[in-house]
Amino acid sequence: MDFSIESLETPALTKAQLAELLFDQIGLNKRESKDMVEAFFDLIAQSLVDGADVKMSGFGNFQIRVKASRPGRNPRTGEPVAIEARRVVTFHASPKLKEQVQTG
């Protein structure tokens, strides 16, 4: 199924616009469309919170990376500051997505 997003008013694709596309092009009602988009992102977020990687074939991978604590510096004052260990989400695009972006 091919989706058309040429009519987007902003350069960013929002969850509301995704729900609108589901409504227009698949025929779900507006409430079902909104709930489906919310459930999709909630599932991805919860998987990442639980420490699981999220892999989407043909799109890319979301992974949790643990960054160790390290020394840093306040750029305004130059004063040393300790940067605490933290978990971050990284995204790696699939070769298929990279190719689509390059070819336009």
Protein backbone atom coordinates (compact mmCIF):
# COMPACT_ATOMS: atom_id res chain seq x y z
CA MET A 1 0.00 0.00 0.00
CA ASP A 2 1.39 3.38 -0.97
CA PHE A 3 0.82 6.39 1.29
CA SER A 4 0.81 9.94 0.04
CA ILE A 5 2.13 12.64 2.38
CA GLU A 6 2.64 15.48 -0.10
CA SER A 7 -0.11 17.53 1.52
CA LEU A 8 1.73 17.90 4.83
CA GLU A 9 1.82 21.49 6.04
CA THR A 10 4.94 21.11 8.21
CA PRO A 11 8.33 19.54 7.47
CA ALA A 12 7.78 17.11 10.37
CA LEU A 13 5.40 14.16 10.31
CA THR A 14 3.35 14.19 13.52
CA LYS A 15 1.32 11.51 15.27
CA ALA A 16 -1.84 13.45 14.43
CA GLN A 17 -0.88 13.41 10.75
CA LEU A 18 -0.18 9.66 10.91
CA ALA A 19 -3.64 9.12 12.39
CA GLU A 20 -5.14 11.30 9.65
CA LEU A 21 -3.37 9.21 7.00
CA LEU A 22 -4.79 6.01 8.53
CA PHE A 23 -8.23 7.61 8.48
CA ASP A 24 -7.96 8.83 4.87
CA GLN A 25 -6.17 5.95 3.23
CA ILE A 26 -7.13 2.84 5.18
CA GLY A 27 -10.63 3.78 6.27
CA LEU A 28 -10.33 3.44 10.03
CA ASN A 29 -12.44 5.89 11.97
CA LYS A 30 -10.63 8.83 13.57
CA ARG A 31 -10.73 7.38 17.09
CA GLU A 32 -9.36 4.00 15.94
CA SER A 33 -6.64 5.75 13.92
CA LYS A 34 -5.53 7.86 16.88
CA ASP A 35 -5.60 4.86 19.23
CA MET A 36 -3.59 2.72 16.80
CA VAL A 37 -0.87 5.35 16.41
CA GLU A 38 -0.70 5.90 20.19
CA ALA A 39 -0.55 2.13 20.86
CA PHE A 40 2.23 1.73 18.28
CA PHE A 41 4.44 4.38 19.88
CA ASP A 42 3.58 3.24 23.42
CA LEU A 43 4.68 -0.28 22.51
CA ILE A 44 7.98 0.97 21.08
CA ALA A 45 8.61 3.21 24.10
CA GLN A 46 7.78 0.48 26.62
CA SER A 47 10.06 -2.00 24.84
CA LEU A 48 12.92 0.50 25.02
CA VAL A 49 12.21 1.28 28.69
CA ASP A 50 12.35 -2.47 29.39
CA GLY A 51 15.78 -2.57 27.73
CA ALA A 52 14.75 -4.41 24.56
CA ASP A 53 15.91 -3.32 21.12
CA VAL A 54 13.21 -2.49 18.55
CA LYS A 55 13.90 -3.73 15.03
CA MET A 56 11.74 -2.67 12.09
CA SER A 57 12.55 -4.54 8.93
CA GLY A 58 13.32 -2.17 6.06
CA PHE A 59 13.33 0.87 8.37
CA GLY A 60 15.94 0.53 11.11
CA ASN A 61 16.75 -0.36 14.70
CA PHE A 62 16.21 1.51 17.94
CA GLN A 63 18.71 0.41 20.56
CA ILE A 64 19.39 1.26 24.19
CA ARG A 65 22.98 2.21 24.89
CA VAL A 66 24.41 2.68 28.36
CA LYS A 67 26.79 5.62 28.57
CA ALA A 68 29.26 5.47 31.45
CA SER A 69 29.78 8.37 33.83
CA ARG A 70 32.54 10.71 32.79
CA PRO A 71 34.13 14.02 33.71
CA GLY A 72 32.77 17.07 31.96
CA ARG A 73 33.04 20.82 32.11
CA ASN A 74 30.51 23.60 32.42
CA PRO A 75 31.02 25.52 29.15
CA ARG A 76 29.97 28.83 30.70
CA THR A 77 32.25 28.76 33.77
CA GLY A 78 34.86 26.16 32.82
CA GLU A 79 34.22 24.45 36.14
CA PRO A 80 34.59 20.62 36.20
CA VAL A 81 31.29 18.71 36.49
CA ALA A 82 30.64 14.97 36.77
CA ILE A 83 28.31 13.65 34.05
CA GLU A 84 26.31 10.74 35.46
CA ALA A 85 25.88 7.38 33.74
CA ARG A 86 22.70 7.21 31.68
CA ARG A 87 20.83 5.20 29.12
CA VAL A 88 20.24 6.70 25.68
CA VAL A 89 18.26 5.60 22.65
CA THR A 90 20.11 5.33 19.35
CA PHE A 91 18.64 4.79 15.90
CA HIS A 92 20.43 3.07 13.04
CA ALA A 93 18.71 3.29 9.67
CA SER A 94 18.51 0.14 7.56
CA PRO A 95 20.39 0.01 4.26
CA LYS A 96 17.00 0.02 2.50
CA LEU A 97 15.96 3.28 4.20
CA LYS A 98 19.36 4.86 3.55
CA GLU A 99 19.05 4.01 -0.14
CA GLN A 100 15.54 5.49 -0.34
CA VAL A 101 16.74 8.71 1.29
CA GLN A 102 19.70 8.98 -1.08
CA THR A 103 17.65 8.39 -4.24
CA GLY A 104 14.85 10.69 -3.18
